[in-house]
Amino acid sequence: GPGPHGLEVWERDLQAAGEEAPQWQSDMNSLLGDLVTRTDKPD
């Protein structure tokens, strides 16, 4: 239904904290960005 909505894309933990490789860059934000309400407090 109506927002505000958010989108979070993240990498599963493969390494211990502080030893992570750079996160993989997904194009999900570009594919879905038009649907996401830009807000710090999404429902």
PDB file of all heavy atoms in Angstrom:
ATOM      1  N   GLY A   1       0.812  -1.208   0.000  1.00  0.00           N
ATOM      2  CA  GLY A   1       0.000   0.000   0.000  1.00  0.00           C
ATOM      3  C   GLY A   1       0.847   1.260   0.000  1.00  0.00           C
ATOM      4  O   GLY A   1       2.052   1.234  -0.240  1.00  0.00           O
ATOM      5  N   PRO A   2       0.209   2.412   0.293  1.00  0.00           N
ATOM      6  CA  PRO A   2       0.924   3.687   0.254  1.00  0.00           C
ATOM      7  C   PRO A   2       2.036   3.750   1.302  1.00  0.00           C
ATOM      8  O   PRO A   2       1.945   3.136   2.361  1.00  0.00           O
ATOM      9  CB  PRO A   2      -0.177   4.712   0.544  1.00  0.00           C
ATOM     10  CG  PRO A   2      -1.213   3.941   1.293  1.00  0.00           C
ATOM     11  CD  PRO A   2      -1.198   2.573   0.709  1.00  0.00           C
ATOM     12  N   GLY A   3       3.053   4.522   0.968  1.00  0.00           N
ATOM     13  CA  GLY A   3       4.264   4.609   1.787  1.00  0.00           C
ATOM     14  C   GLY A   3       4.086   5.425   3.053  1.00  0.00           C
ATOM     15  O   GLY A   3       2.956   5.637   3.503  1.00  0.00           O
ATOM     16  N   PRO A   4       5.176   5.877   3.642  1.00  0.00           N
ATOM     17  CA  PRO A   4       6.513   5.787   3.037  1.00  0.00           C
ATOM     18  C   PRO A   4       7.121   4.381   3.129  1.00  0.00           C
ATOM     19  O   PRO A   4       6.911   3.679   4.104  1.00  0.00           O
ATOM     20  CB  PRO A   4       7.340   6.762   3.876  1.00  0.00           C
ATOM     21  CG  PRO A   4       6.664   6.763   5.211  1.00  0.00           C
ATOM     22  CD  PRO A   4       5.199   6.598   4.922  1.00  0.00           C
ATOM     23  N   HIS A   5       7.824   3.988   2.044  1.00  0.00           N
ATOM     24  CA  HIS A   5       8.488   2.695   1.991  1.00  0.00           C
ATOM     25  C   HIS A   5       9.977   2.903   1.798  1.00  0.00           C
ATOM     26  O   HIS A   5      10.413   3.936   1.299  1.00  0.00           O
ATOM     27  CB  HIS A   5       7.946   1.834   0.845  1.00  0.00           C
ATOM     28  CG  HIS A   5       6.498   1.494   0.991  1.00  0.00           C
ATOM     29  ND1 HIS A   5       5.902   1.259   2.211  1.00  0.00           N
ATOM     30  CD2 HIS A   5       5.515   1.355   0.065  1.00  0.00           C
ATOM     31  CE1 HIS A   5       4.611   0.983   2.033  1.00  0.00           C
ATOM     32  NE2 HIS A   5       4.359   1.046   0.737  1.00  0.00           N
ATOM     33  N   GLY A   6      10.748   1.906   2.170  1.00  0.00           N
ATOM     34  CA  GLY A   6      12.193   1.961   2.010  1.00  0.00           C
ATOM     35  C   GLY A   6      12.693   0.712   1.315  1.00  0.00           C
ATOM     36  O   GLY A   6      11.978  -0.282   1.176  1.00  0.00           O
ATOM     37  N   LEU A   7      13.914   0.767   0.860  1.00  0.00           N
ATOM     38  CA  LEU A   7      14.564  -0.363   0.203  1.00  0.00           C
ATOM     39  C   LEU A   7      15.952  -0.525   0.817  1.00  0.00           C
ATOM     40  O   LEU A   7      16.718   0.426   0.882  1.00  0.00           O
ATOM     41  CB  LEU A   7      14.688  -0.127  -1.300  1.00  0.00           C
ATOM     42  CG  LEU A   7      15.475  -1.179  -2.093  1.00  0.00           C
ATOM     43  CD1 LEU A   7      14.751  -2.517  -2.069  1.00  0.00           C
ATOM     44  CD2 LEU A   7      15.712  -0.706  -3.513  1.00  0.00           C
ATOM     45  N   GLU A   8      16.252  -1.730   1.286  1.00  0.00           N
ATOM     46  CA  GLU A   8      17.567  -2.006   1.840  1.00  0.00           C
ATOM     47  C   GLU A   8      18.169  -3.204   1.126  1.00  0.00           C
ATOM     48  O   GLU A   8      17.567  -4.274   1.075  1.00  0.00           O
ATOM     49  CB  GLU A   8      17.478  -2.269   3.345  1.00  0.00           C
ATOM     50  CG  GLU A   8      17.048  -1.023   4.123  1.00  0.00           C
ATOM     51  CD  GLU A   8      16.992  -1.251   5.620  1.00  0.00           C
ATOM     52  OE1 GLU A   8      17.160  -2.413   6.054  1.00  0.00           O
ATOM     53  OE2 GLU A   8      16.777  -0.266   6.362  1.00  0.00           O
ATOM     54  N   VAL A   9      19.349  -2.996   0.560  1.00  0.00           N
ATOM     55  CA  VAL A   9      20.061  -4.042  -0.166  1.00  0.00           C
ATOM     56  C   VAL A   9      21.389  -4.261   0.538  1.00  0.00           C
ATOM     57  O   VAL A   9      22.141  -3.314   0.751  1.00  0.00           O
ATOM     58  CB  VAL A   9      20.308  -3.629  -1.635  1.00  0.00           C
ATOM     59  CG1 VAL A   9      21.022  -4.734  -2.396  1.00  0.00           C
ATOM     60  CG2 VAL A   9      18.983  -3.278  -2.317  1.00  0.00           C
ATOM     61  N   TRP A  10      21.652  -5.490   0.928  1.00  0.00           N
ATOM     62  CA  TRP A  10      22.905  -5.726   1.639  1.00  0.00           C
ATOM     63  C   TRP A  10      23.440  -7.119   1.353  1.00  0.00           C
ATOM     64  O   TRP A  10      22.753  -7.996   0.856  1.00  0.00           O
ATOM     65  CB  TRP A  10      22.723  -5.520   3.141  1.00  0.00           C
ATOM     66  CG  TRP A  10      22.026  -6.624   3.879  1.00  0.00           C
ATOM     67  CD1 TRP A  10      22.608  -7.708   4.480  1.00  0.00           C
ATOM     68  CD2 TRP A  10      20.608  -6.770   4.089  1.00  0.00           C
ATOM     69  NE1 TRP A  10      21.654  -8.501   5.058  1.00  0.00           N
ATOM     70  CE2 TRP A  10      20.421  -7.951   4.838  1.00  0.00           C
ATOM     71  CE3 TRP A  10      19.491  -6.017   3.737  1.00  0.00           C
ATOM     72  CZ2 TRP A  10      19.158  -8.393   5.230  1.00  0.00           C
ATOM     73  CZ3 TRP A  10      18.248  -6.455   4.127  1.00  0.00           C
ATOM     74  CH2 TRP A  10      18.085  -7.617   4.862  1.00  0.00           C
ATOM     75  N   GLU A  11      24.711  -7.273   1.679  1.00  0.00           N
ATOM     76  CA  GLU A  11      25.415  -8.530   1.488  1.00  0.00           C
ATOM     77  C   GLU A  11      25.285  -9.404   2.720  1.00  0.00           C
ATOM     78  O   GLU A  11      25.341  -8.905   3.847  1.00  0.00           O
ATOM     79  CB  GLU A  11      26.890  -8.238   1.222  1.00  0.00           C
ATOM     80  CG  GLU A  11      27.733  -9.472   0.948  1.00  0.00           C
ATOM     81  CD  GLU A  11      29.196  -9.104   0.740  1.00  0.00           C
ATOM     82  OE1 GLU A  11      29.645  -8.098   1.318  1.00  0.00           O
ATOM     83  OE2 GLU A  11      29.881  -9.825   0.009  1.00  0.00           O
ATOM     84  N   ARG A  12      25.084 -10.680   2.507  1.00  0.00           N
ATOM     85  CA  ARG A  12      25.087 -11.602   3.639  1.00  0.00           C
ATOM     86  C   ARG A  12      26.477 -11.635   4.263  1.00  0.00           C
ATOM     87  O   ARG A  12      27.488 -11.434   3.600  1.00  0.00           O
ATOM     88  CB  ARG A  12      24.717 -13.010   3.165  1.00  0.00           C
ATOM     89  CG  ARG A  12      23.239 -13.178   2.846  1.00  0.00           C
ATOM     90  CD  ARG A  12      22.990 -14.503   2.156  1.00  0.00           C
ATOM     91  NE  ARG A  12      23.553 -15.628   2.891  1.00  0.00           N
ATOM     92  CZ  ARG A  12      23.777 -16.819   2.344  1.00  0.00           C
ATOM     93  NH1 ARG A  12      23.498 -17.041   1.082  1.00  0.00           N
ATOM     94  NH2 ARG A  12      24.290 -17.797   3.067  1.00  0.00           N
ATOM     95  N   ASP A  13      26.523 -11.919   5.573  1.00  0.00           N
ATOM     96  CA  ASP A  13      27.812 -11.974   6.264  1.00  0.00           C
ATOM     97  C   ASP A  13      28.601 -13.205   5.812  1.00  0.00           C
ATOM     98  O   ASP A  13      28.158 -14.338   5.991  1.00  0.00           O
ATOM     99  CB  ASP A  13      27.598 -12.051   7.777  1.00  0.00           C
ATOM    100  CG  ASP A  13      27.053 -10.760   8.347  1.00  0.00           C
ATOM    101  OD1 ASP A  13      27.268  -9.716   7.710  1.00  0.00           O
ATOM    102  OD2 ASP A  13      26.426 -10.795   9.412  1.00  0.00           O
ATOM    103  N   LEU A  14      29.769 -12.950   5.262  1.00  0.00           N
ATOM    104  CA  LEU A  14      30.665 -14.040   4.882  1.00  0.00           C
ATOM    105  C   LEU A  14      31.964 -14.002   5.672  1.00  0.00           C
ATOM    106  O   LEU A  14      32.669 -14.990   5.764  1.00  0.00           O
ATOM    107  CB  LEU A  14      30.992 -13.960   3.383  1.00  0.00           C
ATOM    108  CG  LEU A  14      29.800 -14.090   2.432  1.00  0.00           C
ATOM    109  CD1 LEU A  14      30.273 -13.967   0.999  1.00  0.00           C
ATOM    110  CD2 LEU A  14      29.088 -15.422   2.640  1.00  0.00           C
ATOM    111  N   GLN A  15      32.283 -12.825   6.217  1.00  0.00           N
ATOM    112  CA  GLN A  15      33.505 -12.655   6.996  1.00  0.00           C
ATOM    113  C   GLN A  15      33.150 -12.140   8.386  1.00  0.00           C
ATOM    114  O   GLN A  15      32.042 -11.712   8.633  1.00  0.00           O
ATOM    115  CB  GLN A  15      34.461 -11.658   6.315  1.00  0.00           C
ATOM    116  CG  GLN A  15      35.065 -12.158   5.019  1.00  0.00           C
ATOM    117  CD  GLN A  15      34.150 -11.935   3.831  1.00  0.00           C
ATOM    118  OE1 GLN A  15      33.341 -11.031   3.845  1.00  0.00           O
ATOM    119  NE2 GLN A  15      34.282 -12.763   2.822  1.00  0.00           N
ATOM    120  N   ALA A  16      34.130 -12.187   9.265  1.00  0.00           N
ATOM    121  CA  ALA A  16      33.950 -11.638  10.600  1.00  0.00           C
ATOM    122  C   ALA A  16      33.899 -10.120  10.535  1.00  0.00           C
ATOM    123  O   ALA A  16      34.373  -9.510   9.576  1.00  0.00           O
ATOM    124  CB  ALA A  16      35.098 -12.089  11.504  1.00  0.00           C
ATOM    125  N   ALA A  17      33.311  -9.510  11.544  1.00  0.00           N
ATOM    126  CA  ALA A  17      33.226  -8.059  11.592  1.00  0.00           C
ATOM    127  C   ALA A  17      34.611  -7.444  11.503  1.00  0.00           C
ATOM    128  O   ALA A  17      35.543  -7.882  12.166  1.00  0.00           O
ATOM    129  CB  ALA A  17      32.543  -7.617  12.887  1.00  0.00           C
ATOM    130  N   GLY A  18      34.743  -6.447  10.658  1.00  0.00           N
ATOM    131  CA  GLY A  18      36.019  -5.784  10.470  1.00  0.00           C
ATOM    132  C   GLY A  18      36.880  -6.413   9.400  1.00  0.00           C
ATOM    133  O   GLY A  18      37.939  -5.893   9.054  1.00  0.00           O
ATOM    134  N   GLU A  19      36.437  -7.547   8.831  1.00  0.00           N
ATOM    135  CA  GLU A  19      37.216  -8.237   7.811  1.00  0.00           C
ATOM    136  C   GLU A  19      36.430  -8.404   6.516  1.00  0.00           C
ATOM    137  O   GLU A  19      36.800  -9.176   5.646  1.00  0.00           O
ATOM    138  CB  GLU A  19      37.648  -9.613   8.323  1.00  0.00           C
ATOM    139  CG  GLU A  19      38.498  -9.563   9.586  1.00  0.00           C
ATOM    140  CD  GLU A  19      38.818 -10.941  10.140  1.00  0.00           C
ATOM    141  OE1 GLU A  19      38.371 -11.929   9.519  1.00  0.00           O
ATOM    142  OE2 GLU A  19      39.498 -11.027  11.179  1.00  0.00           O
ATOM    143  N   GLU A  20      35.341  -7.653   6.378  1.00  0.00           N
ATOM    144  CA  GLU A  20      34.472  -7.818   5.235  1.00  0.00           C
ATOM    145  C   GLU A  20      35.130  -7.298   3.960  1.00  0.00           C
ATOM    146  O   GLU A  20      35.885  -6.329   3.974  1.00  0.00           O
ATOM    147  CB  GLU A  20      33.150  -7.057   5.432  1.00  0.00           C
ATOM    148  CG  GLU A  20      32.375  -7.463   6.667  1.00  0.00           C
ATOM    149  CD  GLU A  20      32.696  -6.595   7.859  1.00  0.00           C
ATOM    150  OE1 GLU A  20      33.789  -5.995   7.861  1.00  0.00           O
ATOM    151  OE2 GLU A  20      31.868  -6.523   8.777  1.00  0.00           O
ATOM    152  N   ALA A  21      34.818  -7.992   2.863  1.00  0.00           N
ATOM    153  CA  ALA A  21      35.209  -7.488   1.552  1.00  0.00           C
ATOM    154  C   ALA A  21      34.231  -6.380   1.172  1.00  0.00           C
ATOM    155  O   ALA A  21      33.151  -6.258   1.759  1.00  0.00           O
ATOM    156  CB  ALA A  21      35.153  -8.618   0.528  1.00  0.00           C
ATOM    157  N   PRO A  22      34.577  -5.521   0.194  1.00  0.00           N
ATOM    158  CA  PRO A  22      33.631  -4.485  -0.236  1.00  0.00           C
ATOM    159  C   PRO A  22      32.304  -5.103  -0.660  1.00  0.00           C
ATOM    160  O   PRO A  22      32.257  -6.159  -1.280  1.00  0.00           O
ATOM    161  CB  PRO A  22      34.350  -3.839  -1.419  1.00  0.00           C
ATOM    162  CG  PRO A  22      35.791  -4.106  -1.171  1.00  0.00           C
ATOM    163  CD  PRO A  22      35.849  -5.462  -0.518  1.00  0.00           C
ATOM    164  N   GLN A  23      31.209  -4.459  -0.318  1.00  0.00           N
ATOM    165  CA  GLN A  23      29.897  -4.996  -0.635  1.00  0.00           C
ATOM    166  C   GLN A  23      29.691  -5.065  -2.144  1.00  0.00           C
ATOM    167  O   GLN A  23      30.178  -4.234  -2.894  1.00  0.00           O
ATOM    168  CB  GLN A  23      28.806  -4.122  -0.018  1.00  0.00           C
ATOM    169  CG  GLN A  23      28.716  -4.260   1.491  1.00  0.00           C
ATOM    170  CD  GLN A  23      27.504  -3.539   2.028  1.00  0.00           C
ATOM    171  OE1 GLN A  23      27.018  -2.607   1.420  1.00  0.00           O
ATOM    172  NE2 GLN A  23      27.017  -3.967   3.168  1.00  0.00           N
ATOM    173  N   TRP A  24      28.981  -6.083  -2.570  1.00  0.00           N
ATOM    174  CA  TRP A  24      28.684  -6.184  -3.991  1.00  0.00           C
ATOM    175  C   TRP A  24      27.691  -5.084  -4.354  1.00  0.00           C
ATOM    176  O   TRP A  24      26.812  -4.731  -3.580  1.00  0.00           O
ATOM    177  CB  TRP A  24      28.141  -7.560  -4.357  1.00  0.00           C
ATOM    178  CG  TRP A  24      26.933  -7.999  -3.570  1.00  0.00           C
ATOM    179  CD1 TRP A  24      26.931  -8.630  -2.384  1.00  0.00           C
ATOM    180  CD2 TRP A  24      25.560  -7.834  -3.924  1.00  0.00           C
ATOM    181  NE1 TRP A  24      25.661  -8.877  -1.962  1.00  0.00           N
ATOM    182  CE2 TRP A  24      24.784  -8.400  -2.888  1.00  0.00           C
ATOM    183  CE3 TRP A  24      24.906  -7.278  -4.999  1.00  0.00           C
ATOM    184  CZ2 TRP A  24      23.418  -8.419  -2.906  1.00  0.00           C
ATOM    185  CZ3 TRP A  24      23.532  -7.293  -5.012  1.00  0.00           C
ATOM    186  CH2 TRP A  24      22.799  -7.862  -3.989  1.00  0.00           C
ATOM    187  N   GLN A  25      27.850  -4.532  -5.556  1.00  0.00           N
ATOM    188  CA  GLN A  25      27.017  -3.420  -5.994  1.00  0.00           C
ATOM    189  C   GLN A  25      25.850  -3.947  -6.814  1.00  0.00           C
ATOM    190  O   GLN A  25      26.009  -4.401  -7.929  1.00  0.00           O
ATOM    191  CB  GLN A  25      27.849  -2.434  -6.821  1.00  0.00           C
ATOM    192  CG  GLN A  25      28.995  -1.803  -6.045  1.00  0.00           C
ATOM    193  CD  GLN A  25      28.476  -0.998  -4.871  1.00  0.00           C
ATOM    194  OE1 GLN A  25      27.567  -0.186  -4.998  1.00  0.00           O
ATOM    195  NE2 GLN A  25      29.067  -1.225  -3.710  1.00  0.00           N
ATOM    196  N   SER A  26      24.676  -3.905  -6.226  1.00  0.00           N
ATOM    197  CA  SER A  26      23.475  -4.356  -6.924  1.00  0.00           C
ATOM    198  C   SER A  26      22.840  -3.187  -7.657  1.00  0.00           C
ATOM    199  O   SER A  26      22.978  -2.034  -7.268  1.00  0.00           O
ATOM    200  CB  SER A  26      22.477  -4.931  -5.917  1.00  0.00           C
ATOM    201  OG  SER A  26      21.246  -5.171  -6.543  1.00  0.00           O
ATOM    202  N   ASP A  27      22.164  -3.498  -8.750  1.00  0.00           N
ATOM    203  CA  ASP A  27      21.442  -2.440  -9.475  1.00  0.00           C
ATOM    204  C   ASP A  27      19.993  -2.364  -9.028  1.00  0.00           C
ATOM    205  O   ASP A  27      19.152  -1.800  -9.712  1.00  0.00           O
ATOM    206  CB  ASP A  27      21.508  -2.668 -10.985  1.00  0.00           C
ATOM    207  CG  ASP A  27      20.984  -4.036 -11.398  1.00  0.00           C
ATOM    208  OD1 ASP A  27      20.533  -4.789 -10.522  1.00  0.00           O
ATOM    209  OD2 ASP A  27      21.042  -4.337 -12.600  1.00  0.00           O
ATOM    210  N   MET A  28      19.680  -2.941  -7.874  1.00  0.00           N
ATOM    211  CA  MET A  28      18.313  -2.923  -7.380  1.00  0.00           C
ATOM    212  C   MET A  28      17.816  -1.504  -7.132  1.00  0.00           C
ATOM    213  O   MET A  28      16.657  -1.179  -7.401  1.00  0.00           O
ATOM    214  CB  MET A  28      18.200  -3.730  -6.091  1.00  0.00           C
ATOM    215  CG  MET A  28      18.264  -5.217  -6.301  1.00  0.00           C
ATOM    216  SD  MET A  28      16.854  -5.791  -7.286  1.00  0.00           S
ATOM    217  CE  MET A  28      17.395  -7.464  -7.627  1.00  0.00           C
ATOM    218  N   ASN A  29      18.689  -0.656  -6.611  1.00  0.00           N
ATOM    219  CA  ASN A  29      18.265   0.707  -6.340  1.00  0.00           C
ATOM    220  C   ASN A  29      17.848   1.428  -7.614  1.00  0.00           C
ATOM    221  O   ASN A  29      16.876   2.189  -7.621  1.00  0.00           O
ATOM    222  CB  ASN A  29      19.387   1.479  -5.626  1.00  0.00           C
ATOM    223  CG  ASN A  29      19.523   1.071  -4.174  1.00  0.00           C
ATOM    224  OD1 ASN A  29      18.673   1.379  -3.362  1.00  0.00           O
ATOM    225  ND2 ASN A  29      20.593   0.366  -3.850  1.00  0.00           N
ATOM    226  N   SER A  30      18.570   1.173  -8.709  1.00  0.00           N
ATOM    227  CA  SER A  30      18.203   1.821  -9.972  1.00  0.00           C
ATOM    228  C   SER A  30      16.943   1.198 -10.569  1.00  0.00           C
ATOM    229  O   SER A  30      16.142   1.885 -11.211  1.00  0.00           O
ATOM    230  CB  SER A  30      19.360   1.734 -10.974  1.00  0.00           C
ATOM    231  OG  SER A  30      19.695   0.378 -11.241  1.00  0.00           O
ATOM    232  N   LEU A  31      16.740  -0.107 -10.346  1.00  0.00           N
ATOM    233  CA  LEU A  31      15.558  -0.771 -10.886  1.00  0.00           C
ATOM    234  C   LEU A  31      14.292  -0.395 -10.126  1.00  0.00           C
ATOM    235  O   LEU A  31      13.200  -0.368 -10.690  1.00  0.00           O
ATOM    236  CB  LEU A  31      15.748  -2.295 -10.838  1.00  0.00           C
ATOM    237  CG  LEU A  31      16.729  -2.901 -11.840  1.00  0.00           C
ATOM    238  CD1 LEU A  31      16.943  -4.370 -11.532  1.00  0.00           C
ATOM    239  CD2 LEU A  31      16.230  -2.728 -13.268  1.00  0.00           C
ATOM    240  N   LEU A  32      14.441  -0.105  -8.847  1.00  0.00           N
ATOM    241  CA  LEU A  32      13.268   0.118  -8.005  1.00  0.00           C
ATOM    242  C   LEU A  32      13.202   1.511  -7.407  1.00  0.00           C
ATOM    243  O   LEU A  32      12.283   1.819  -6.659  1.00  0.00           O
ATOM    244  CB  LEU A  32      13.254  -0.908  -6.866  1.00  0.00           C
ATOM    245  CG  LEU A  32      13.196  -2.379  -7.281  1.00  0.00           C
ATOM    246  CD1 LEU A  32      13.419  -3.264  -6.073  1.00  0.00           C
ATOM    247  CD2 LEU A  32      11.868  -2.701  -7.929  1.00  0.00           C
ATOM    248  N   GLY A  33      14.167   2.342  -7.734  1.00  0.00           N
ATOM    249  CA  GLY A  33      14.242   3.647  -7.103  1.00  0.00           C
ATOM    250  C   GLY A  33      13.011   4.501  -7.273  1.00  0.00           C
ATOM    251  O   GLY A  33      12.672   5.310  -6.405  1.00  0.00           O
ATOM    252  N   ASP A  34      12.288   4.334  -8.376  1.00  0.00           N
ATOM    253  CA  ASP A  34      11.105   5.161  -8.602  1.00  0.00           C
ATOM    254  C   ASP A  34       9.967   4.811  -7.652  1.00  0.00           C
ATOM    255  O   ASP A  34       9.026   5.585  -7.485  1.00  0.00           O
ATOM    256  CB  ASP A  34      10.627   4.986 -10.051  1.00  0.00           C
ATOM    257  CG  ASP A  34      10.266   3.544 -10.362  1.00  0.00           C
ATOM    258  OD1 ASP A  34      11.120   2.661 -10.146  1.00  0.00           O
ATOM    259  OD2 ASP A  34       9.143   3.301 -10.830  1.00  0.00           O
ATOM    260  N   LEU A  35      10.049   3.641  -7.012  1.00  0.00           N
ATOM    261  CA  LEU A  35       8.982   3.222  -6.107  1.00  0.00           C
ATOM    262  C   LEU A  35       9.273   3.571  -4.653  1.00  0.00           C
ATOM    263  O   LEU A  35       8.389   3.502  -3.808  1.00  0.00           O
ATOM    264  CB  LEU A  35       8.768   1.713  -6.207  1.00  0.00           C
ATOM    265  CG  LEU A  35       8.267   1.178  -7.553  1.00  0.00           C
ATOM    266  CD1 LEU A  35       8.154  -0.334  -7.465  1.00  0.00           C
ATOM    267  CD2 LEU A  35       6.919   1.781  -7.906  1.00  0.00           C
ATOM    268  N   VAL A  36      10.519   3.914  -4.379  1.00  0.00           N
ATOM    269  CA  VAL A  36      10.932   4.107  -2.993  1.00  0.00           C
ATOM    270  C   VAL A  36      10.708   5.552  -2.573  1.00  0.00           C
ATOM    271  O   VAL A  36      11.130   6.485  -3.244  1.00  0.00           O
ATOM    272  CB  VAL A  36      12.415   3.735  -2.814  1.00  0.00           C
ATOM    273  CG1 VAL A  36      12.840   3.959  -1.365  1.00  0.00           C
ATOM    274  CG2 VAL A  36      12.649   2.289  -3.208  1.00  0.00           C
ATOM    275  N   THR A  37      10.011   5.719  -1.479  1.00  0.00           N
ATOM    276  CA  THR A  37       9.824   7.046  -0.901  1.00  0.00           C
ATOM    277  C   THR A  37      11.075   7.426  -0.127  1.00  0.00           C
ATOM    278  O   THR A  37      11.500   6.700   0.769  1.00  0.00           O
ATOM    279  CB  THR A  37       8.612   7.059   0.053  1.00  0.00           C
ATOM    280  OG1 THR A  37       7.465   6.585  -0.650  1.00  0.00           O
ATOM    281  CG2 THR A  37       8.360   8.450   0.583  1.00  0.00           C
ATOM    282  N   ARG A  38      11.685   8.526  -0.503  1.00  0.00           N
ATOM    283  CA  ARG A  38      12.922   8.938   0.145  1.00  0.00           C
ATOM    284  C   ARG A  38      12.617   9.504   1.528  1.00  0.00           C
ATOM    285  O   ARG A  38      12.129  10.618   1.667  1.00  0.00           O
ATOM    286  CB  ARG A  38      13.646   9.987  -0.708  1.00  0.00           C
ATOM    287  CG  ARG A  38      13.993   9.503  -2.106  1.00  0.00           C
ATOM    288  CD  ARG A  38      14.896   8.265  -2.059  1.00  0.00           C
ATOM    289  NE  ARG A  38      15.132   7.713  -3.390  1.00  0.00           N
ATOM    290  CZ  ARG A  38      15.798   6.589  -3.624  1.00  0.00           C
ATOM    291  NH1 ARG A  38      16.254   5.886  -2.607  1.00  0.00           N
ATOM    292  NH2 ARG A  38      15.981   6.146  -4.852  1.00  0.00           N
ATOM    293  N   THR A  39      12.864   8.727   2.543  1.00  0.00           N
ATOM    294  CA  THR A  39      12.587   9.150   3.904  1.00  0.00           C
ATOM    295  C   THR A  39      13.496   8.404   4.861  1.00  0.00           C
ATOM    296  O   THR A  39      13.907   7.273   4.585  1.00  0.00           O
ATOM    297  CB  THR A  39      11.122   8.888   4.291  1.00  0.00           C
ATOM    298  OG1 THR A  39      10.936   9.241   5.654  1.00  0.00           O
ATOM    299  CG2 THR A  39      10.742   7.443   4.080  1.00  0.00           C
ATOM    300  N   ASP A  40      13.831   8.994   5.972  1.00  0.00           N
ATOM    301  CA  ASP A  40      14.628   8.333   6.986  1.00  0.00           C
ATOM    302  C   ASP A  40      13.782   7.444   7.887  1.00  0.00           C
ATOM    303  O   ASP A  40      14.305   6.671   8.671  1.00  0.00           O
ATOM    304  CB  ASP A  40      15.358   9.371   7.844  1.00  0.00           C
ATOM    305  CG  ASP A  40      16.418  10.133   7.060  1.00  0.00           C
ATOM    306  OD1 ASP A  40      16.952   9.551   6.104  1.00  0.00           O
ATOM    307  OD2 ASP A  40      16.675  11.300   7.393  1.00  0.00           O
ATOM    308  N   LYS A  41      12.447   7.565   7.776  1.00  0.00           N
ATOM    309  CA  LYS A  41      11.564   6.799   8.645  1.00  0.00           C
ATOM    310  C   LYS A  41      10.488   6.082   7.833  1.00  0.00           C
ATOM    311  O   LYS A  41       9.304   6.408   7.912  1.00  0.00           O
ATOM    312  CB  LYS A  41      10.923   7.717   9.682  1.00  0.00           C
ATOM    313  CG  LYS A  41      11.927   8.359  10.626  1.00  0.00           C
ATOM    314  CD  LYS A  41      11.250   9.241  11.658  1.00  0.00           C
ATOM    315  CE  LYS A  41      12.266   9.859  12.610  1.00  0.00           C
ATOM    316  NZ  LYS A  41      11.615  10.723  13.621  1.00  0.00           N
ATOM    317  N   PRO A  42      10.908   5.096   7.014  1.00  0.00           N
ATOM    318  CA  PRO A  42       9.911   4.361   6.227  1.00  0.00           C
ATOM    319  C   PRO A  42       9.043   3.482   7.108  1.00  0.00           C
ATOM    320  O   PRO A  42       9.465   3.044   8.181  1.00  0.00           O
ATOM    321  CB  PRO A  42      10.773   3.521   5.282  1.00  0.00           C
ATOM    322  CG  PRO A  42      12.057   3.328   6.024  1.00  0.00           C
ATOM    323  CD  PRO A  42      12.273   4.598   6.795  1.00  0.00           C
ATOM    324  N   ASP A  43       7.819   3.242   6.652  1.00  0.00           N
ATOM    325  CA  ASP A  43       6.910   2.360   7.358  1.00  0.00           C
ATOM    326  C   ASP A  43       7.300   0.917   7.090  1.00  0.00           C
ATOM    327  O   ASP A  43       7.600   0.147   7.996  1.00  0.00           O
ATOM    328  CB  ASP A  43       5.474   2.639   6.917  1.00  0.00           C
ATOM    329  CG  ASP A  43       4.465   1.849   7.740  1.00  0.00           C
ATOM    330  OD1 ASP A  43       4.872   1.273   8.766  1.00  0.00           O
ATOM    331  OD2 ASP A  43       3.291   1.815   7.367  1.00  0.00           O
TER     332      ASP A  43
END
